[in-house]
PDB file of all heavy atoms in Angstrom:
ATOM      1  N   SER A   1      52.073 -45.836 -17.975  1.00  0.00           N
ATOM      2  CA  SER A   1      51.948 -44.915 -16.827  1.00  0.00           C
ATOM      3  C   SER A   1      51.318 -43.608 -17.410  1.00  0.00           C
ATOM      4  O   SER A   1      51.108 -43.465 -18.608  1.00  0.00           O
ATOM      5  CB  SER A   1      53.351 -44.561 -16.348  1.00  0.00           C
ATOM      6  OG  SER A   1      54.171 -44.011 -17.494  1.00  0.00           O
ATOM      7  N   ASP A   2      50.763 -42.839 -16.470  1.00  0.00           N
ATOM      8  CA  ASP A   2      50.037 -41.673 -16.780  1.00  0.00           C
ATOM      9  C   ASP A   2      51.018 -40.595 -17.177  1.00  0.00           C
ATOM     10  O   ASP A   2      52.026 -40.236 -16.362  1.00  0.00           O
ATOM     11  CB  ASP A   2      49.252 -41.105 -15.494  1.00  0.00           C
ATOM     12  CG  ASP A   2      48.489 -39.925 -15.792  1.00  0.00           C
ATOM     13  OD1 ASP A   2      48.298 -39.537 -16.935  1.00  0.00           O
ATOM     14  OD2 ASP A   2      48.130 -39.241 -14.780  1.00  0.00           O
ATOM     15  N   PRO A   3      50.926 -39.990 -18.333  1.00  0.00           N
ATOM     16  CA  PRO A   3      51.952 -39.063 -18.826  1.00  0.00           C
ATOM     17  C   PRO A   3      51.955 -37.802 -18.000  1.00  0.00           C
ATOM     18  O   PRO A   3      52.990 -37.014 -17.985  1.00  0.00           O
ATOM     19  CB  PRO A   3      51.506 -38.764 -20.288  1.00  0.00           C
ATOM     20  CG  PRO A   3      50.027 -39.149 -20.308  1.00  0.00           C
ATOM     21  CD  PRO A   3      49.897 -40.305 -19.294  1.00  0.00           C
ATOM     22  N   ILE A   4      50.899 -37.457 -17.172  1.00  0.00           N
ATOM     23  CA  ILE A   4      50.790 -36.181 -16.501  1.00  0.00           C
ATOM     24  C   ILE A   4      51.424 -36.408 -15.116  1.00  0.00           C
ATOM     25  O   ILE A   4      52.316 -35.693 -14.666  1.00  0.00           O
ATOM     26  CB  ILE A   4      49.368 -35.780 -16.350  1.00  0.00           C
ATOM     27  CG1 ILE A   4      48.752 -35.524 -17.784  1.00  0.00           C
ATOM     28  CG2 ILE A   4      49.252 -34.554 -15.524  1.00  0.00           C
ATOM     29  CD1 ILE A   4      47.361 -35.005 -17.683  1.00  0.00           C
ATOM     30  N   SER A   5      50.963 -37.429 -14.384  1.00  0.00           N
ATOM     31  CA  SER A   5      51.456 -37.772 -13.035  1.00  0.00           C
ATOM     32  C   SER A   5      52.713 -38.619 -12.883  1.00  0.00           C
ATOM     33  O   SER A   5      53.351 -38.679 -11.935  1.00  0.00           O
ATOM     34  CB  SER A   5      50.296 -38.166 -12.183  1.00  0.00           C
ATOM     35  OG  SER A   5      49.924 -39.531 -12.571  1.00  0.00           O
ATOM     36  N   GLY A   6      52.867 -39.429 -13.937  1.00  0.00           N
ATOM     37  CA  GLY A   6      53.891 -40.337 -14.050  1.00  0.00           C
ATOM     38  C   GLY A   6      53.608 -41.648 -13.146  1.00  0.00           C
ATOM     39  O   GLY A   6      54.475 -42.449 -13.033  1.00  0.00           O
ATOM     40  N   MET A   7      52.342 -41.809 -12.570  1.00  0.00           N
ATOM     41  CA  MET A   7      52.048 -42.972 -11.855  1.00  0.00           C
ATOM     42  C   MET A   7      51.839 -44.215 -12.779  1.00  0.00           C
ATOM     43  O   MET A   7      51.323 -44.068 -13.938  1.00  0.00           O
ATOM     44  CB  MET A   7      50.730 -42.637 -11.159  1.00  0.00           C
ATOM     45  CG  MET A   7      50.758 -41.551 -10.111  1.00  0.00           C
ATOM     46  SD  MET A   7      49.169 -41.108  -9.324  1.00  0.00           S
ATOM     47  CE  MET A   7      48.873 -42.725  -8.490  1.00  0.00           C
ATOM     48  N   HIS A   8      52.245 -45.298 -12.294  1.00  0.00           N
ATOM     49  CA  HIS A   8      52.059 -46.547 -12.930  1.00  0.00           C
ATOM     50  C   HIS A   8      50.562 -46.911 -12.923  1.00  0.00           C
ATOM     51  O   HIS A   8      49.835 -46.613 -12.024  1.00  0.00           O
ATOM     52  CB  HIS A   8      52.897 -47.644 -12.228  1.00  0.00           C
ATOM     53  CG  HIS A   8      52.816 -49.002 -12.867  1.00  0.00           C
ATOM     54  ND1 HIS A   8      53.376 -49.329 -14.041  1.00  0.00           N
ATOM     55  CD2 HIS A   8      52.060 -50.150 -12.425  1.00  0.00           C
ATOM     56  CE1 HIS A   8      53.111 -50.587 -14.379  1.00  0.00           C
ATOM     57  NE2 HIS A   8      52.395 -51.099 -13.402  1.00  0.00           N
ATOM     58  N   VAL A   9      50.211 -47.649 -14.046  1.00  0.00           N
ATOM     59  CA  VAL A   9      48.820 -48.040 -14.229  1.00  0.00           C
ATOM     60  C   VAL A   9      48.668 -49.578 -14.025  1.00  0.00           C
ATOM     61  O   VAL A   9      49.349 -50.318 -14.756  1.00  0.00           O
ATOM     62  CB  VAL A   9      48.267 -47.574 -15.581  1.00  0.00           C
ATOM     63  CG1 VAL A   9      46.838 -48.082 -15.774  1.00  0.00           C
ATOM     64  CG2 VAL A   9      48.321 -46.109 -15.749  1.00  0.00           C
ATOM     65  N   LEU A  10      47.823 -49.939 -13.087  1.00  0.00           N
ATOM     66  CA  LEU A  10      47.419 -51.351 -12.952  1.00  0.00           C
ATOM     67  C   LEU A  10      46.170 -51.562 -13.812  1.00  0.00           C
ATOM     68  O   LEU A  10      45.233 -50.897 -13.733  1.00  0.00           O
ATOM     69  CB  LEU A  10      47.098 -51.699 -11.570  1.00  0.00           C
ATOM     70  CG  LEU A  10      46.691 -53.005 -11.033  1.00  0.00           C
ATOM     71  CD1 LEU A  10      47.031 -53.273  -9.711  1.00  0.00           C
ATOM     72  CD2 LEU A  10      45.160 -53.156 -11.298  1.00  0.00           C
ATOM     73  N   ILE A  11      46.299 -52.561 -14.800  1.00  0.00           N
ATOM     74  CA  ILE A  11      45.233 -52.751 -15.749  1.00  0.00           C
ATOM     75  C   ILE A  11      44.317 -53.996 -15.167  1.00  0.00           C
ATOM     76  O   ILE A  11      44.954 -55.077 -14.985  1.00  0.00           O
ATOM     77  CB  ILE A  11      45.790 -53.142 -17.079  1.00  0.00           C
ATOM     78  CG1 ILE A  11      46.651 -51.926 -17.541  1.00  0.00           C
ATOM     79  CG2 ILE A  11      44.599 -53.274 -18.119  1.00  0.00           C
ATOM     80  CD1 ILE A  11      47.314 -52.285 -18.856  1.00  0.00           C
ATOM     81  N   ALA A  12      43.010 -53.756 -15.021  1.00  0.00           N
ATOM     82  CA  ALA A  12      42.123 -54.693 -14.470  1.00  0.00           C
ATOM     83  C   ALA A  12      40.958 -54.961 -15.330  1.00  0.00           C
ATOM     84  O   ALA A  12      40.456 -53.993 -16.091  1.00  0.00           O
ATOM     85  CB  ALA A  12      41.688 -54.395 -13.020  1.00  0.00           C
ATOM     86  N   ASP A  13      40.409 -56.174 -15.247  1.00  0.00           N
ATOM     87  CA  ASP A  13      39.070 -56.438 -15.978  1.00  0.00           C
ATOM     88  C   ASP A  13      38.071 -55.533 -15.454  1.00  0.00           C
ATOM     89  O   ASP A  13      38.001 -55.213 -14.247  1.00  0.00           O
ATOM     90  CB  ASP A  13      38.696 -57.815 -15.713  1.00  0.00           C
ATOM     91  CG  ASP A  13      39.534 -58.846 -16.509  1.00  0.00           C
ATOM     92  OD1 ASP A  13      40.337 -58.375 -17.288  1.00  0.00           O
ATOM     93  OD2 ASP A  13      39.426 -60.036 -16.259  1.00  0.00           O
ATOM     94  N   ARG A  14      37.091 -54.995 -16.323  1.00  0.00           N
ATOM     95  CA  ARG A  14      35.982 -54.255 -15.833  1.00  0.00           C
ATOM     96  C   ARG A  14      35.089 -55.020 -14.883  1.00  0.00           C
ATOM     97  O   ARG A  14      34.517 -54.459 -13.946  1.00  0.00           O
ATOM     98  CB  ARG A  14      35.163 -53.770 -17.019  1.00  0.00           C
ATOM     99  CG  ARG A  14      34.599 -54.839 -17.931  1.00  0.00           C
ATOM    100  CD  ARG A  14      33.720 -54.288 -18.991  1.00  0.00           C
ATOM    101  NE  ARG A  14      32.562 -53.844 -18.380  1.00  0.00           N
ATOM    102  CZ  ARG A  14      31.873 -52.705 -18.872  1.00  0.00           C
ATOM    103  NH1 ARG A  14      32.213 -52.058 -19.846  1.00  0.00           N
ATOM    104  NH2 ARG A  14      30.808 -52.375 -18.288  1.00  0.00           N
ATOM    105  N   ASP A  15      34.953 -56.398 -15.150  1.00  0.00           N
ATOM    106  CA  ASP A  15      34.132 -57.197 -14.141  1.00  0.00           C
ATOM    107  C   ASP A  15      34.729 -57.288 -12.853  1.00  0.00           C
ATOM    108  O   ASP A  15      34.049 -57.328 -11.843  1.00  0.00           O
ATOM    109  CB  ASP A  15      33.985 -58.592 -14.751  1.00  0.00           C
ATOM    110  CG  ASP A  15      33.145 -58.677 -16.110  1.00  0.00           C
ATOM    111  OD1 ASP A  15      32.360 -57.605 -16.261  1.00  0.00           O
ATOM    112  OD2 ASP A  15      33.211 -59.511 -16.879  1.00  0.00           O
ATOM    113  N   ALA A  16      36.122 -57.270 -12.676  1.00  0.00           N
ATOM    114  CA  ALA A  16      36.782 -57.378 -11.455  1.00  0.00           C
ATOM    115  C   ALA A  16      36.569 -56.048 -10.721  1.00  0.00           C
ATOM    116  O   ALA A  16      36.651 -56.073  -9.372  1.00  0.00           O
ATOM    117  CB  ALA A  16      38.250 -57.704 -11.575  1.00  0.00           C
ATOM    118  N   LEU A  17      36.396 -54.956 -11.287  1.00  0.00           N
ATOM    119  CA  LEU A  17      36.217 -53.685 -10.739  1.00  0.00           C
ATOM    120  C   LEU A  17      34.829 -53.250 -10.532  1.00  0.00           C
ATOM    121  O   LEU A  17      34.534 -52.168  -9.932  1.00  0.00           O
ATOM    122  CB  LEU A  17      36.937 -52.610 -11.604  1.00  0.00           C
ATOM    123  CG  LEU A  17      38.424 -52.754 -11.794  1.00  0.00           C
ATOM    124  CD1 LEU A  17      38.901 -51.754 -12.846  1.00  0.00           C
ATOM    125  CD2 LEU A  17      39.133 -52.578 -10.479  1.00  0.00           C
ATOM    126  N   ALA A  18      33.905 -54.126 -10.907  1.00  0.00           N
ATOM    127  CA  ALA A  18      32.515 -53.863 -10.891  1.00  0.00           C
ATOM    128  C   ALA A  18      31.916 -53.394  -9.442  1.00  0.00           C
ATOM    129  O   ALA A  18      31.121 -52.510  -9.439  1.00  0.00           O
ATOM    130  CB  ALA A  18      31.677 -55.026 -11.409  1.00  0.00           C
ATOM    131  N   PRO A  19      32.496 -54.040  -8.388  1.00  0.00           N
ATOM    132  CA  PRO A  19      32.028 -53.547  -6.988  1.00  0.00           C
ATOM    133  C   PRO A  19      32.330 -52.171  -6.742  1.00  0.00           C
ATOM    134  O   PRO A  19      31.708 -51.553  -5.731  1.00  0.00           O
ATOM    135  CB  PRO A  19      32.773 -54.578  -6.176  1.00  0.00           C
ATOM    136  CG  PRO A  19      33.158 -55.732  -6.895  1.00  0.00           C
ATOM    137  CD  PRO A  19      33.324 -55.199  -8.375  1.00  0.00           C
ATOM    138  N   LEU A  20      33.154 -51.437  -7.502  1.00  0.00           N
ATOM    139  CA  LEU A  20      33.530 -50.118  -7.177  1.00  0.00           C
ATOM    140  C   LEU A  20      32.484 -49.152  -7.637  1.00  0.00           C
ATOM    141  O   LEU A  20      32.489 -47.914  -7.362  1.00  0.00           O
ATOM    142  CB  LEU A  20      34.787 -49.753  -7.826  1.00  0.00           C
ATOM    143  CG  LEU A  20      36.023 -50.526  -7.347  1.00  0.00           C
ATOM    144  CD1 LEU A  20      37.210 -50.111  -8.131  1.00  0.00           C
ATOM    145  CD2 LEU A  20      36.339 -50.355  -5.855  1.00  0.00           C
ATOM    146  N   PHE A  21      31.557 -49.584  -8.587  1.00  0.00           N
ATOM    147  CA  PHE A  21      30.556 -48.660  -9.132  1.00  0.00           C
ATOM    148  C   PHE A  21      29.159 -48.902  -8.703  1.00  0.00           C
ATOM    149  O   PHE A  21      28.760 -50.137  -8.481  1.00  0.00           O
ATOM    150  CB  PHE A  21      30.628 -48.882 -10.673  1.00  0.00           C
ATOM    151  CG  PHE A  21      31.996 -48.754 -11.242  1.00  0.00           C
ATOM    152  CD1 PHE A  21      32.659 -49.810 -11.837  1.00  0.00           C
ATOM    153  CD2 PHE A  21      32.862 -47.574 -11.128  1.00  0.00           C
ATOM    154  CE1 PHE A  21      33.839 -49.811 -12.331  1.00  0.00           C
ATOM    155  CE2 PHE A  21      34.114 -47.560 -11.588  1.00  0.00           C
ATOM    156  CZ  PHE A  21      34.616 -48.689 -12.209  1.00  0.00           C
ATOM    157  N   PRO A  22      28.321 -47.871  -8.603  1.00  0.00           N
ATOM    158  CA  PRO A  22      26.979 -48.062  -8.169  1.00  0.00           C
ATOM    159  C   PRO A  22      26.071 -49.039  -9.128  1.00  0.00           C
ATOM    160  O   PRO A  22      25.333 -49.774  -8.685  1.00  0.00           O
ATOM    161  CB  PRO A  22      26.426 -46.662  -8.148  1.00  0.00           C
ATOM    162  CG  PRO A  22      27.582 -45.792  -7.917  1.00  0.00           C
ATOM    163  CD  PRO A  22      28.716 -46.539  -8.685  1.00  0.00           C
ATOM    164  N   VAL A  23      26.401 -48.744 -10.393  1.00  0.00           N
ATOM    165  CA  VAL A  23      25.678 -49.626 -11.433  1.00  0.00           C
ATOM    166  C   VAL A  23      26.799 -50.119 -12.399  1.00  0.00           C
ATOM    167  O   VAL A  23      27.860 -49.368 -12.511  1.00  0.00           O
ATOM    168  CB  VAL A  23      24.627 -48.863 -12.084  1.00  0.00           C
ATOM    169  CG1 VAL A  23      23.464 -48.493 -11.204  1.00  0.00           C
ATOM    170  CG2 VAL A  23      25.132 -47.611 -12.787  1.00  0.00           C
ATOM    171  N   PRO A  24      26.617 -51.110 -13.199  1.00  0.00           N
ATOM    172  CA  PRO A  24      27.614 -51.468 -14.174  1.00  0.00           C
ATOM    173  C   PRO A  24      27.881 -50.482 -15.200  1.00  0.00           C
ATOM    174  O   PRO A  24      27.096 -49.708 -15.651  1.00  0.00           O
ATOM    175  CB  PRO A  24      26.889 -52.827 -14.854  1.00  0.00           C
ATOM    176  CG  PRO A  24      25.899 -53.235 -13.841  1.00  0.00           C
ATOM    177  CD  PRO A  24      25.454 -52.052 -13.193  1.00  0.00           C
ATOM    178  N   LEU A  25      29.202 -50.293 -15.522  1.00  0.00           N
ATOM    179  CA  LEU A  25      29.591 -49.433 -16.537  1.00  0.00           C
ATOM    180  C   LEU A  25      29.052 -49.913 -17.903  1.00  0.00           C
ATOM    181  O   LEU A  25      28.918 -51.113 -18.195  1.00  0.00           O
ATOM    182  CB  LEU A  25      31.171 -49.284 -16.609  1.00  0.00           C
ATOM    183  CG  LEU A  25      31.766 -48.584 -15.529  1.00  0.00           C
ATOM    184  CD1 LEU A  25      33.250 -48.733 -15.665  1.00  0.00           C
ATOM    185  CD2 LEU A  25      31.372 -47.246 -15.399  1.00  0.00           C
ATOM    186  N   PRO A  26      28.608 -48.948 -18.834  1.00  0.00           N
ATOM    187  CA  PRO A  26      28.272 -49.396 -20.095  1.00  0.00           C
ATOM    188  C   PRO A  26      29.332 -50.102 -20.941  1.00  0.00           C
ATOM    189  O   PRO A  26      30.518 -49.687 -20.844  1.00  0.00           O
ATOM    190  CB  PRO A  26      27.748 -48.093 -20.787  1.00  0.00           C
ATOM    191  CG  PRO A  26      28.638 -46.973 -20.125  1.00  0.00           C
ATOM    192  CD  PRO A  26      28.750 -47.529 -18.686  1.00  0.00           C
ATOM    193  N   ARG A  27      28.895 -50.957 -21.886  1.00  0.00           N
ATOM    194  CA  ARG A  27      29.861 -51.519 -22.751  1.00  0.00           C
ATOM    195  C   ARG A  27      30.169 -50.548 -23.828  1.00  0.00           C
ATOM    196  O   ARG A  27      29.390 -49.757 -24.364  1.00  0.00           O
ATOM    197  CB  ARG A  27      29.264 -52.790 -23.422  1.00  0.00           C
ATOM    198  CG  ARG A  27      28.908 -53.962 -22.448  1.00  0.00           C
ATOM    199  CD  ARG A  27      30.242 -54.540 -21.999  1.00  0.00           C
ATOM    200  NE  ARG A  27      29.947 -55.623 -21.022  1.00  0.00           N
ATOM    201  CZ  ARG A  27      30.819 -56.377 -20.464  1.00  0.00           C
ATOM    202  NH1 ARG A  27      32.088 -56.128 -20.818  1.00  0.00           N
ATOM    203  NH2 ARG A  27      30.521 -57.313 -19.554  1.00  0.00           N
ATOM    204  N   GLY A  28      31.514 -50.468 -24.119  1.00  0.00           N
ATOM    205  CA  GLY A  28      31.989 -49.458 -25.144  1.00  0.00           C
ATOM    206  C   GLY A  28      33.414 -48.977 -24.888  1.00  0.00           C
ATOM    207  O   GLY A  28      34.075 -49.708 -24.156  1.00  0.00           O
ATOM    208  N   ASP A  29      33.855 -47.990 -25.554  1.00  0.00           N
ATOM    209  CA  ASP A  29      35.124 -47.511 -25.396  1.00  0.00           C
ATOM    210  C   ASP A  29      35.362 -46.691 -24.070  1.00  0.00           C
ATOM    211  O   ASP A  29      34.480 -46.529 -23.333  1.00  0.00           O
ATOM    212  CB  ASP A  29      35.577 -46.650 -26.663  1.00  0.00           C
ATOM    213  CG  ASP A  29      34.627 -45.429 -26.824  1.00  0.00           C
ATOM    214  OD1 ASP A  29      33.900 -45.070 -25.854  1.00  0.00           O
ATOM    215  OD2 ASP A  29      34.628 -44.894 -27.969  1.00  0.00           O
ATOM    216  N   ALA A  30      36.602 -46.188 -23.878  1.00  0.00           N
ATOM    217  CA  ALA A  30      36.958 -45.575 -22.644  1.00  0.00           C
ATOM    218  C   ALA A  30      36.174 -44.271 -22.560  1.00  0.00           C
ATOM    219  O   ALA A  30      35.814 -43.811 -21.428  1.00  0.00           O
ATOM    220  CB  ALA A  30      38.432 -45.331 -22.585  1.00  0.00           C
ATOM    221  N   VAL A  31      35.912 -43.565 -23.650  1.00  0.00           N
ATOM    222  CA  VAL A  31      35.260 -42.239 -23.603  1.00  0.00           C
ATOM    223  C   VAL A  31      33.817 -42.408 -23.100  1.00  0.00           C
ATOM    224  O   VAL A  31      33.397 -41.680 -22.255  1.00  0.00           O
ATOM    225  CB  VAL A  31      35.244 -41.591 -24.962  1.00  0.00           C
ATOM    226  CG1 VAL A  31      34.495 -40.281 -25.013  1.00  0.00           C
ATOM    227  CG2 VAL A  31      36.697 -41.350 -25.451  1.00  0.00           C
ATOM    228  N   SER A  32      33.166 -43.468 -23.631  1.00  0.00           N
ATOM    229  CA  SER A  32      31.678 -43.679 -23.140  1.00  0.00           C
ATOM    230  C   SER A  32      31.561 -44.090 -21.664  1.00  0.00           C
ATOM    231  O   SER A  32      30.758 -43.647 -20.926  1.00  0.00           O
ATOM    232  CB  SER A  32      31.046 -44.769 -24.098  1.00  0.00           C
ATOM    233  OG  SER A  32      31.701 -46.003 -23.935  1.00  0.00           O
ATOM    234  N   MET A  33      32.685 -44.846 -21.235  1.00  0.00           N
ATOM    235  CA  MET A  33      32.678 -45.162 -19.914  1.00  0.00           C
ATOM    236  C   MET A  33      32.940 -44.044 -19.010  1.00  0.00           C
ATOM    237  O   MET A  33      32.443 -43.875 -17.869  1.00  0.00           O
ATOM    238  CB  MET A  33      33.717 -46.305 -19.528  1.00  0.00           C
ATOM    239  CG  MET A  33      33.281 -47.672 -20.104  1.00  0.00           C
ATOM    240  SD  MET A  33      34.341 -49.037 -19.557  1.00  0.00           S
ATOM    241  CE  MET A  33      35.822 -48.753 -20.526  1.00  0.00           C
ATOM    242  N   LEU A  34      33.862 -43.074 -19.374  1.00  0.00           N
ATOM    243  CA  LEU A  34      34.112 -41.950 -18.637  1.00  0.00           C
ATOM    244  C   LEU A  34      32.900 -41.006 -18.586  1.00  0.00           C
ATOM    245  O   LEU A  34      32.675 -40.369 -17.503  1.00  0.00           O
ATOM    246  CB  LEU A  34      35.380 -41.183 -19.285  1.00  0.00           C
ATOM    247  CG  LEU A  34      35.778 -39.862 -18.505  1.00  0.00           C
ATOM    248  CD1 LEU A  34      36.235 -40.204 -17.095  1.00  0.00           C
ATOM    249  CD2 LEU A  34      36.859 -39.070 -19.391  1.00  0.00           C
ATOM    250  N   ARG A  35      32.107 -40.838 -19.696  1.00  0.00           N
ATOM    251  CA  ARG A  35      30.894 -40.110 -19.583  1.00  0.00           C
ATOM    252  C   ARG A  35      29.976 -40.681 -18.574  1.00  0.00           C
ATOM    253  O   ARG A  35      29.185 -39.994 -17.965  1.00  0.00           O
ATOM    254  CB  ARG A  35      30.238 -40.090 -20.976  1.00  0.00           C
ATOM    255  CG  ARG A  35      31.053 -39.232 -21.993  1.00  0.00           C
ATOM    256  CD  ARG A  35      30.480 -39.293 -23.413  1.00  0.00           C
ATOM    257  NE  ARG A  35      31.195 -38.514 -24.352  1.00  0.00           N
ATOM    258  CZ  ARG A  35      31.018 -38.567 -25.693  1.00  0.00           C
ATOM    259  NH1 ARG A  35      30.267 -39.526 -26.211  1.00  0.00           N
ATOM    260  NH2 ARG A  35      31.776 -37.809 -26.475  1.00  0.00           N
ATOM    261  N   ALA A  36      29.884 -42.005 -18.561  1.00  0.00           N
ATOM    262  CA  ALA A  36      28.978 -42.700 -17.601  1.00  0.00           C
ATOM    263  C   ALA A  36      29.346 -42.377 -16.224  1.00  0.00           C
ATOM    264  O   ALA A  36      28.539 -42.119 -15.293  1.00  0.00           O
ATOM    265  CB  ALA A  36      28.912 -44.230 -17.848  1.00  0.00           C
ATOM    266  N   LEU A  37      30.769 -42.327 -15.956  1.00  0.00           N
ATOM    267  CA  LEU A  37      31.140 -42.032 -14.584  1.00  0.00           C
ATOM    268  C   LEU A  37      30.743 -40.533 -14.243  1.00  0.00           C
ATOM    269  O   LEU A  37      30.543 -40.283 -13.015  1.00  0.00           O
ATOM    270  CB  LEU A  37      32.716 -42.112 -14.544  1.00  0.00           C
ATOM    271  CG  LEU A  37      33.305 -43.514 -14.520  1.00  0.00           C
ATOM    272  CD1 LEU A  37      34.794 -43.484 -14.364  1.00  0.00           C
ATOM    273  CD2 LEU A  37      32.745 -44.252 -13.227  1.00  0.00           C
ATOM    274  N   GLY A  38      30.678 -39.668 -15.236  1.00  0.00           N
ATOM    275  CA  GLY A  38      30.299 -38.373 -14.970  1.00  0.00           C
ATOM    276  C   GLY A  38      28.973 -38.166 -14.311  1.00  0.00           C
ATOM    277  O   GLY A  38      28.622 -37.087 -13.810  1.00  0.00           O
ATOM    278  N   GLU A  39      28.091 -39.204 -14.425  1.00  0.00           N
ATOM    279  CA  GLU A  39      26.714 -39.106 -13.846  1.00  0.00           C
ATOM    280  C   GLU A  39      26.822 -39.134 -12.307  1.00  0.00           C
ATOM    281  O   GLU A  39      25.902 -38.708 -11.689  1.00  0.00           O
ATOM    282  CB  GLU A  39      25.899 -40.258 -14.432  1.00  0.00           C
ATOM    283  CG  GLU A  39      25.753 -40.300 -15.886  1.00  0.00           C
ATOM    284  CD  GLU A  39      24.745 -41.442 -16.379  1.00  0.00           C
ATOM    285  OE1 GLU A  39      24.419 -42.180 -15.493  1.00  0.00           O
ATOM    286  OE2 GLU A  39      24.667 -41.547 -17.574  1.00  0.00           O
ATOM    287  N   TRP A  40      27.899 -39.668 -11.858  1.00  0.00           N
ATOM    288  CA  TRP A  40      28.174 -39.572 -10.382  1.00  0.00           C
ATOM    289  C   TRP A  40      29.371 -38.624 -10.206  1.00  0.00           C
ATOM    290  O   TRP A  40      30.441 -38.954 -10.611  1.00  0.00           O
ATOM    291  CB  TRP A  40      28.507 -40.963  -9.832  1.00  0.00           C
ATOM    292  CG  TRP A  40      27.397 -41.903 -10.190  1.00  0.00           C
ATOM    293  CD1 TRP A  40      26.214 -42.195  -9.558  1.00  0.00           C
ATOM    294  CD2 TRP A  40      27.431 -42.965 -11.135  1.00  0.00           C
ATOM    295  NE1 TRP A  40      25.467 -43.145 -10.045  1.00  0.00           N
ATOM    296  CE2 TRP A  40      26.239 -43.701 -11.085  1.00  0.00           C
ATOM    297  CE3 TRP A  40      28.410 -43.313 -12.192  1.00  0.00           C
ATOM    298  CZ2 TRP A  40      25.941 -44.760 -11.937  1.00  0.00           C
ATOM    299  CZ3 TRP A  40      28.096 -44.395 -13.037  1.00  0.00           C
ATOM    300  CH2 TRP A  40      26.866 -45.085 -12.882  1.00  0.00           C
ATOM    301  N   GLU A  41      29.046 -37.444  -9.652  1.00  0.00           N
ATOM    302  CA  GLU A  41      30.013 -36.387  -9.529  1.00  0.00           C
ATOM    303  C   GLU A  41      31.306 -36.858  -8.940  1.00  0.00           C
ATOM    304  O   GLU A  41      32.405 -36.548  -9.523  1.00  0.00           O
ATOM    305  CB  GLU A  41      29.323 -35.227  -8.670  1.00  0.00           C
ATOM    306  CG  GLU A  41      30.261 -34.010  -8.712  1.00  0.00           C
ATOM    307  CD  GLU A  41      29.696 -32.801  -8.016  1.00  0.00           C
ATOM    308  OE1 GLU A  41      28.534 -32.918  -7.595  1.00  0.00           O
ATOM    309  OE2 GLU A  41      30.383 -31.852  -7.712  1.00  0.00           O
ATOM    310  N   GLU A  42      31.242 -37.422  -7.853  1.00  0.00           N
ATOM    311  CA  GLU A  42      32.539 -37.873  -7.112  1.00  0.00           C
ATOM    312  C   GLU A  42      33.336 -38.918  -8.036  1.00  0.00           C
ATOM    313  O   GLU A  42      34.533 -38.781  -8.163  1.00  0.00           O
ATOM    314  CB  GLU A  42      32.209 -38.503  -5.761  1.00  0.00           C
ATOM    315  CG  GLU A  42      31.763 -37.394  -4.788  1.00  0.00           C
ATOM    316  CD  GLU A  42      31.533 -38.092  -3.412  1.00  0.00           C
ATOM    317  OE1 GLU A  42      30.512 -38.742  -3.270  1.00  0.00           O
ATOM    318  OE2 GLU A  42      32.351 -37.920  -2.563  1.00  0.00           O
ATOM    319  N   LEU A  43      32.703 -39.773  -8.585  1.00  0.00           N
ATOM    320  CA  LEU A  43      33.310 -40.765  -9.433  1.00  0.00           C
ATOM    321  C   LEU A  43      33.875 -40.166 -10.683  1.00  0.00           C
ATOM    322  O   LEU A  43      34.998 -40.505 -11.167  1.00  0.00           O
ATOM    323  CB  LEU A  43      32.362 -41.983  -9.860  1.00  0.00           C
ATOM    324  CG  LEU A  43      32.243 -43.156  -8.871  1.00  0.00           C
ATOM    325  CD1 LEU A  43      31.149 -44.051  -9.319  1.00  0.00           C
ATOM    326  CD2 LEU A  43      33.567 -43.836  -8.704  1.00  0.00           C
ATOM    327  N   GLY A  44      33.115 -39.188 -11.289  1.00  0.00           N
ATOM    328  CA  GLY A  44      33.609 -38.526 -12.460  1.00  0.00           C
ATOM    329  C   GLY A  44      34.900 -37.852 -12.232  1.00  0.00           C
ATOM    330  O   GLY A  44      35.726 -37.750 -13.160  1.00  0.00           O
ATOM    331  N   LEU A  45      35.071 -37.207 -10.999  1.00  0.00           N
ATOM    332  CA  LEU A  45      36.352 -36.542 -10.753  1.00  0.00           C
ATOM    333  C   LEU A  45      37.525 -37.489 -10.574  1.00  0.00           C
ATOM    334  O   LEU A  45      38.669 -36.994 -10.639  1.00  0.00           O
ATOM    335  CB  LEU A  45      36.099 -35.696  -9.418  1.00  0.00           C
ATOM    336  CG  LEU A  45      35.084 -34.620  -9.582  1.00  0.00           C
ATOM    337  CD1 LEU A  45      34.913 -33.874  -8.232  1.00  0.00           C
ATOM    338  CD2 LEU A  45      35.542 -33.551 -10.588  1.00  0.00           C
ATOM    339  N   ARG A  46      37.233 -38.745 -10.351  1.00  0.00           N
ATOM    340  CA  ARG A  46      38.314 -39.820 -10.204  1.00  0.00           C
ATOM    341  C   ARG A  46      38.756 -40.414 -11.458  1.00  0.00           C
ATOM    342  O   ARG A  46      39.747 -41.180 -11.437  1.00  0.00           O
ATOM    343  CB  ARG A  46      37.825 -40.817  -9.243  1.00  0.00           C
ATOM    344  CG  ARG A  46      37.508 -40.367  -7.763  1.00  0.00           C
ATOM    345  CD  ARG A  46      38.769 -39.756  -7.127  1.00  0.00           C
ATOM    346  NE  ARG A  46      38.413 -39.476  -5.764  1.00  0.00           N
ATOM    347  CZ  ARG A  46      38.716 -40.276  -4.706  1.00  0.00           C
ATOM    348  NH1 ARG A  46      39.343 -41.403  -4.948  1.00  0.00           N
ATOM    349  NH2 ARG A  46      38.434 -39.926  -3.462  1.00  0.00           N
TER     350      ARG A  46
END
């Protein structure tokens, strides 16, 4: 769960979530994927 909001986390394959992104997320750790999301302002905020 998220320590800040307390919300439960559903864990999914990146390939299953691919339709949610304009382009595929880069391979790598969570930090690099978050940086890639930052290129799309609305997605970066999510």
